[in-house]
N, C-alpha and C. Protein backbone atom coordinates (compact mmCIF):
# COMPACT_ATOMS: atom_id res chain seq x y z
N MET A 1 -16.32 -4.50 -12.33
CA MET A 1 -15.28 -4.79 -11.35
C MET A 1 -13.96 -4.21 -11.85
N LEU A 2 -13.22 -3.59 -10.96
CA LEU A 2 -12.00 -2.88 -11.33
C LEU A 2 -10.91 -3.81 -11.83
N THR A 3 -10.86 -5.03 -11.32
CA THR A 3 -9.80 -5.95 -11.75
C THR A 3 -9.88 -6.21 -13.25
N ASP A 4 -11.09 -6.25 -13.80
CA ASP A 4 -11.23 -6.50 -15.23
C ASP A 4 -10.67 -5.36 -16.06
N LEU A 5 -10.67 -4.17 -15.54
CA LEU A 5 -10.18 -3.01 -16.27
C LEU A 5 -8.66 -2.86 -16.19
N THR A 6 -8.02 -3.61 -15.33
CA THR A 6 -6.59 -3.44 -15.11
C THR A 6 -5.78 -4.63 -15.60
N GLY A 7 -6.32 -5.40 -16.50
CA GLY A 7 -5.58 -6.52 -17.04
C GLY A 7 -5.31 -7.61 -16.03
N GLY A 8 -6.24 -7.84 -15.11
CA GLY A 8 -6.07 -8.90 -14.13
C GLY A 8 -5.35 -8.49 -12.86
N LEU A 9 -4.93 -7.24 -12.76
CA LEU A 9 -4.27 -6.78 -11.54
C LEU A 9 -5.30 -6.63 -10.42
N PRO A 10 -4.91 -6.79 -9.16
CA PRO A 10 -5.85 -6.62 -8.06
C PRO A 10 -6.38 -5.19 -8.00
N ALA A 11 -7.59 -5.04 -7.50
CA ALA A 11 -8.19 -3.71 -7.37
C ALA A 11 -7.29 -2.84 -6.50
N PRO A 12 -6.89 -1.68 -6.99
CA PRO A 12 -5.91 -0.86 -6.28
C PRO A 12 -6.47 0.07 -5.21
N ALA A 13 -7.78 0.29 -5.17
CA ALA A 13 -8.34 1.28 -4.26
C ALA A 13 -7.97 1.05 -2.79
N PRO A 14 -8.12 -0.17 -2.24
CA PRO A 14 -7.74 -0.34 -0.83
C PRO A 14 -6.27 -0.06 -0.57
N LEU A 15 -5.43 -0.41 -1.50
CA LEU A 15 -4.00 -0.18 -1.35
C LEU A 15 -3.69 1.31 -1.30
N PHE A 16 -4.21 2.06 -2.27
CA PHE A 16 -3.91 3.49 -2.31
C PHE A 16 -4.59 4.24 -1.17
N ALA A 17 -5.77 3.77 -0.75
CA ALA A 17 -6.42 4.39 0.41
C ALA A 17 -5.58 4.18 1.66
N ALA A 18 -5.03 2.98 1.81
CA ALA A 18 -4.19 2.69 2.99
C ALA A 18 -2.93 3.54 2.97
N LEU A 19 -2.36 3.75 1.80
CA LEU A 19 -1.13 4.53 1.71
C LEU A 19 -1.38 6.04 1.73
N GLY A 20 -2.63 6.45 1.70
CA GLY A 20 -2.97 7.86 1.65
C GLY A 20 -2.98 8.55 3.01
N ASP A 21 -2.30 8.00 3.97
CA ASP A 21 -2.26 8.57 5.31
C ASP A 21 -0.81 8.64 5.77
N GLU A 22 -0.41 9.78 6.31
CA GLU A 22 0.99 9.97 6.73
C GLU A 22 1.43 8.97 7.79
N THR A 23 0.55 8.70 8.74
CA THR A 23 0.90 7.75 9.81
C THR A 23 1.13 6.37 9.24
N ARG A 24 0.25 5.94 8.35
CA ARG A 24 0.42 4.61 7.76
C ARG A 24 1.67 4.54 6.89
N LEU A 25 1.97 5.62 6.18
CA LEU A 25 3.21 5.64 5.40
C LEU A 25 4.43 5.52 6.30
N SER A 26 4.40 6.19 7.44
CA SER A 26 5.54 6.10 8.35
C SER A 26 5.64 4.70 8.95
N LEU A 27 4.51 4.04 9.18
CA LEU A 27 4.55 2.65 9.67
C LEU A 27 5.13 1.72 8.61
N VAL A 28 4.74 1.92 7.36
CA VAL A 28 5.30 1.12 6.27
C VAL A 28 6.81 1.33 6.20
N GLU A 29 7.23 2.57 6.31
CA GLU A 29 8.67 2.86 6.27
C GLU A 29 9.40 2.16 7.42
N ALA A 30 8.84 2.25 8.62
CA ALA A 30 9.47 1.61 9.78
C ALA A 30 9.54 0.09 9.60
N LEU A 31 8.49 -0.49 9.08
CA LEU A 31 8.46 -1.95 8.91
C LEU A 31 9.32 -2.40 7.73
N SER A 32 9.54 -1.53 6.76
CA SER A 32 10.32 -1.94 5.59
C SER A 32 11.82 -1.92 5.85
N THR A 33 12.24 -1.27 6.91
CA THR A 33 13.68 -1.16 7.17
C THR A 33 14.17 -2.12 8.24
N GLU A 34 13.26 -2.75 8.96
CA GLU A 34 13.65 -3.65 10.04
C GLU A 34 12.85 -4.94 9.97
N SER A 35 13.22 -5.88 10.83
CA SER A 35 12.50 -7.14 10.92
C SER A 35 11.11 -6.88 11.51
N PRO A 36 10.25 -7.90 11.56
CA PRO A 36 8.90 -7.69 12.13
C PRO A 36 8.98 -7.01 13.50
N GLN A 37 8.01 -6.14 13.74
CA GLN A 37 8.01 -5.34 14.97
C GLN A 37 6.67 -5.45 15.68
N SER A 38 6.72 -5.30 16.99
CA SER A 38 5.51 -5.33 17.79
C SER A 38 4.83 -3.95 17.77
N ILE A 39 3.59 -3.95 18.17
CA ILE A 39 2.85 -2.69 18.26
C ILE A 39 3.51 -1.78 19.28
N SER A 40 3.97 -2.35 20.38
CA SER A 40 4.64 -1.55 21.42
C SER A 40 5.86 -0.85 20.86
N ARG A 41 6.64 -1.57 20.10
CA ARG A 41 7.86 -0.97 19.53
C ARG A 41 7.51 0.11 18.51
N LEU A 42 6.50 -0.14 17.69
CA LEU A 42 6.09 0.85 16.69
C LEU A 42 5.50 2.09 17.35
N ALA A 43 4.84 1.91 18.48
CA ALA A 43 4.22 3.03 19.17
C ALA A 43 5.21 3.81 20.04
N ALA A 44 6.38 3.24 20.29
CA ALA A 44 7.35 3.89 21.18
C ALA A 44 7.76 5.27 20.69
N ASP A 45 7.95 5.43 19.39
CA ASP A 45 8.38 6.71 18.83
C ASP A 45 7.21 7.56 18.33
N ALA A 46 6.01 7.02 18.42
CA ALA A 46 4.85 7.72 17.86
C ALA A 46 4.24 8.68 18.88
N THR A 47 3.50 9.62 18.36
CA THR A 47 2.82 10.59 19.22
C THR A 47 1.38 10.18 19.46
N MET A 48 1.04 8.94 19.11
CA MET A 48 -0.33 8.48 19.30
C MET A 48 -0.34 7.20 20.12
N SER A 49 -1.53 6.82 20.52
CA SER A 49 -1.69 5.65 21.39
C SER A 49 -1.45 4.34 20.65
N ARG A 50 -1.24 3.30 21.42
CA ARG A 50 -1.09 1.97 20.83
C ARG A 50 -2.36 1.56 20.09
N GLN A 51 -3.52 1.96 20.62
CA GLN A 51 -4.78 1.63 19.98
C GLN A 51 -4.87 2.28 18.59
N ALA A 52 -4.41 3.51 18.49
CA ALA A 52 -4.43 4.19 17.19
C ALA A 52 -3.47 3.51 16.21
N ILE A 53 -2.29 3.15 16.70
CA ILE A 53 -1.32 2.44 15.86
C ILE A 53 -1.93 1.11 15.39
N THR A 54 -2.60 0.42 16.30
CA THR A 54 -3.23 -0.86 15.96
C THR A 54 -4.25 -0.68 14.85
N LYS A 55 -5.06 0.35 14.94
CA LYS A 55 -6.07 0.59 13.89
C LYS A 55 -5.40 0.87 12.55
N HIS A 56 -4.34 1.64 12.54
CA HIS A 56 -3.61 1.91 11.30
C HIS A 56 -3.00 0.62 10.73
N LEU A 57 -2.45 -0.21 11.61
CA LEU A 57 -1.88 -1.48 11.15
C LEU A 57 -2.96 -2.40 10.58
N GLN A 58 -4.15 -2.35 11.14
CA GLN A 58 -5.25 -3.17 10.62
C GLN A 58 -5.64 -2.73 9.21
N VAL A 59 -5.62 -1.43 8.96
CA VAL A 59 -5.92 -0.92 7.62
C VAL A 59 -4.85 -1.41 6.64
N LEU A 60 -3.59 -1.31 7.06
CA LEU A 60 -2.49 -1.77 6.21
C LEU A 60 -2.56 -3.28 5.98
N GLU A 61 -2.96 -4.01 7.00
CA GLU A 61 -3.08 -5.47 6.86
C GLU A 61 -4.22 -5.82 5.92
N HIS A 62 -5.34 -5.12 6.04
CA HIS A 62 -6.48 -5.36 5.14
C HIS A 62 -6.09 -5.10 3.68
N ALA A 63 -5.22 -4.12 3.46
CA ALA A 63 -4.77 -3.80 2.10
C ALA A 63 -3.66 -4.74 1.63
N GLY A 64 -3.17 -5.60 2.52
CA GLY A 64 -2.14 -6.56 2.14
C GLY A 64 -0.72 -6.02 2.17
N ILE A 65 -0.53 -4.87 2.78
CA ILE A 65 0.79 -4.23 2.82
C ILE A 65 1.63 -4.77 3.96
N VAL A 66 0.99 -5.11 5.06
CA VAL A 66 1.68 -5.72 6.19
C VAL A 66 0.94 -6.99 6.58
N ARG A 67 1.62 -7.81 7.36
CA ARG A 67 1.01 -9.04 7.83
C ARG A 67 1.29 -9.16 9.32
N GLY A 68 0.25 -9.45 10.08
CA GLY A 68 0.42 -9.65 11.51
C GLY A 68 0.61 -11.11 11.83
N VAL A 69 1.55 -11.39 12.73
CA VAL A 69 1.84 -12.76 13.15
C VAL A 69 1.83 -12.79 14.67
N ARG A 70 1.11 -13.72 15.23
CA ARG A 70 1.07 -13.86 16.69
C ARG A 70 2.29 -14.66 17.15
N VAL A 71 3.09 -14.08 18.04
CA VAL A 71 4.25 -14.75 18.62
C VAL A 71 4.12 -14.62 20.13
N GLY A 72 3.74 -15.69 20.76
CA GLY A 72 3.50 -15.63 22.20
C GLY A 72 2.35 -14.70 22.50
N ARG A 73 2.60 -13.72 23.34
CA ARG A 73 1.56 -12.75 23.71
C ARG A 73 1.55 -11.52 22.82
N GLU A 74 2.49 -11.44 21.89
CA GLU A 74 2.60 -10.25 21.05
C GLU A 74 2.16 -10.51 19.62
N ASN A 75 1.66 -9.46 19.00
CA ASN A 75 1.44 -9.46 17.56
C ASN A 75 2.62 -8.75 16.94
N LEU A 76 3.30 -9.42 16.03
CA LEU A 76 4.38 -8.78 15.28
C LEU A 76 3.87 -8.49 13.88
N PHE A 77 4.27 -7.35 13.35
CA PHE A 77 3.86 -6.97 12.00
C PHE A 77 5.07 -6.91 11.10
N GLU A 78 4.90 -7.45 9.90
CA GLU A 78 5.98 -7.43 8.92
C GLU A 78 5.48 -6.85 7.61
N PHE A 79 6.38 -6.22 6.92
CA PHE A 79 6.13 -5.58 5.63
C PHE A 79 6.02 -6.63 4.53
N ARG A 80 5.08 -6.45 3.62
CA ARG A 80 4.91 -7.35 2.48
C ARG A 80 5.15 -6.54 1.19
N PRO A 81 6.37 -6.52 0.69
CA PRO A 81 6.70 -5.67 -0.46
C PRO A 81 6.00 -6.04 -1.76
N ALA A 82 5.53 -7.26 -1.88
CA ALA A 82 4.87 -7.68 -3.13
C ALA A 82 3.65 -6.82 -3.44
N ARG A 83 2.96 -6.39 -2.41
CA ARG A 83 1.75 -5.57 -2.64
C ARG A 83 2.12 -4.21 -3.26
N LEU A 84 3.26 -3.66 -2.87
CA LEU A 84 3.68 -2.39 -3.46
C LEU A 84 4.14 -2.60 -4.90
N SER A 85 4.68 -3.77 -5.18
CA SER A 85 5.03 -4.10 -6.57
C SER A 85 3.78 -4.15 -7.43
N GLU A 86 2.70 -4.65 -6.86
CA GLU A 86 1.42 -4.66 -7.58
C GLU A 86 0.94 -3.23 -7.85
N ALA A 87 1.15 -2.35 -6.88
CA ALA A 87 0.77 -0.94 -7.07
C ALA A 87 1.60 -0.32 -8.19
N ALA A 88 2.88 -0.62 -8.23
CA ALA A 88 3.75 -0.10 -9.29
C ALA A 88 3.29 -0.62 -10.65
N ALA A 89 2.90 -1.88 -10.71
CA ALA A 89 2.40 -2.45 -11.96
C ALA A 89 1.11 -1.77 -12.38
N TYR A 90 0.24 -1.49 -11.43
CA TYR A 90 -1.01 -0.79 -11.74
C TYR A 90 -0.72 0.61 -12.28
N LEU A 91 0.19 1.34 -11.62
CA LEU A 91 0.53 2.68 -12.08
C LEU A 91 1.17 2.65 -13.47
N ALA A 92 1.97 1.65 -13.74
CA ALA A 92 2.56 1.50 -15.08
C ALA A 92 1.47 1.26 -16.11
N HIS A 93 0.47 0.46 -15.74
CA HIS A 93 -0.67 0.19 -16.64
C HIS A 93 -1.43 1.49 -16.94
N VAL A 94 -1.71 2.27 -15.91
CA VAL A 94 -2.42 3.55 -16.10
C VAL A 94 -1.58 4.49 -16.94
N SER A 95 -0.28 4.52 -16.71
CA SER A 95 0.62 5.37 -17.48
C SER A 95 0.59 5.01 -18.97
N GLU A 96 0.58 3.71 -19.25
CA GLU A 96 0.49 3.26 -20.65
C GLU A 96 -0.81 3.72 -21.29
N GLN A 97 -1.89 3.64 -20.54
CA GLN A 97 -3.19 4.09 -21.06
C GLN A 97 -3.14 5.58 -21.40
N TRP A 98 -2.54 6.37 -20.51
CA TRP A 98 -2.43 7.81 -20.77
C TRP A 98 -1.53 8.08 -21.97
N ASP A 99 -0.43 7.36 -22.08
CA ASP A 99 0.46 7.53 -23.23
C ASP A 99 -0.27 7.22 -24.53
N ASP A 100 -1.07 6.14 -24.53
CA ASP A 100 -1.85 5.79 -25.72
C ASP A 100 -2.87 6.87 -26.05
N ALA A 101 -3.56 7.36 -25.01
CA ALA A 101 -4.56 8.41 -25.23
C ALA A 101 -3.91 9.68 -25.77
N LEU A 102 -2.77 10.05 -25.22
CA LEU A 102 -2.09 11.25 -25.70
C LEU A 102 -1.58 11.08 -27.13
N SER A 103 -1.13 9.89 -27.46
CA SER A 103 -0.68 9.62 -28.83
C SER A 103 -1.84 9.74 -29.81
N ARG A 104 -2.99 9.20 -29.43
CA ARG A 104 -4.18 9.31 -30.30
C ARG A 104 -4.60 10.76 -30.45
N PHE A 105 -4.55 11.52 -29.35
CA PHE A 105 -4.93 12.93 -29.39
C PHE A 105 -3.96 13.71 -30.28
N LYS A 106 -2.68 13.43 -30.14
CA LYS A 106 -1.67 14.10 -30.96
C LYS A 106 -1.90 13.82 -32.45
N ALA A 107 -2.17 12.56 -32.76
CA ALA A 107 -2.44 12.19 -34.15
C ALA A 107 -3.69 12.88 -34.67
N PHE A 108 -4.70 13.01 -33.85
CA PHE A 108 -5.94 13.68 -34.24
C PHE A 108 -5.69 15.16 -34.51
N VAL A 109 -4.94 15.81 -33.63
CA VAL A 109 -4.66 17.25 -33.76
C VAL A 109 -3.81 17.54 -34.98
N GLU A 110 -2.87 16.63 -35.27
CA GLU A 110 -1.96 16.86 -36.39
C GLU A 110 -2.59 16.58 -37.75
N LYS A 111 -3.76 15.98 -37.77
CA LYS A 111 -4.42 15.71 -39.07
C LYS A 111 -4.93 16.94 -39.71
């Protein structure tokens, strides 16, 4: 299990897969700068259908990056920055591993 390899951090694959799409990145950007928004509002400036936007939001929600809240007849989506903080922590962990590996390699070469 990947969590065991990352010092207890959540498995990063769903997060990075969700962020690996331009449309989803633009949705994250839109949601991170304003209050919760409806699908209609998010789709207003988009070149794709509301259904396509909804599918992208579902991927982001599954990854924990956004959260959907039902308000009356609308679903509003809000950005959850804590999940990106977890991604930063994971990348810092991987960076430390690479730094350690490079230090060991340097020591080996210099012997």
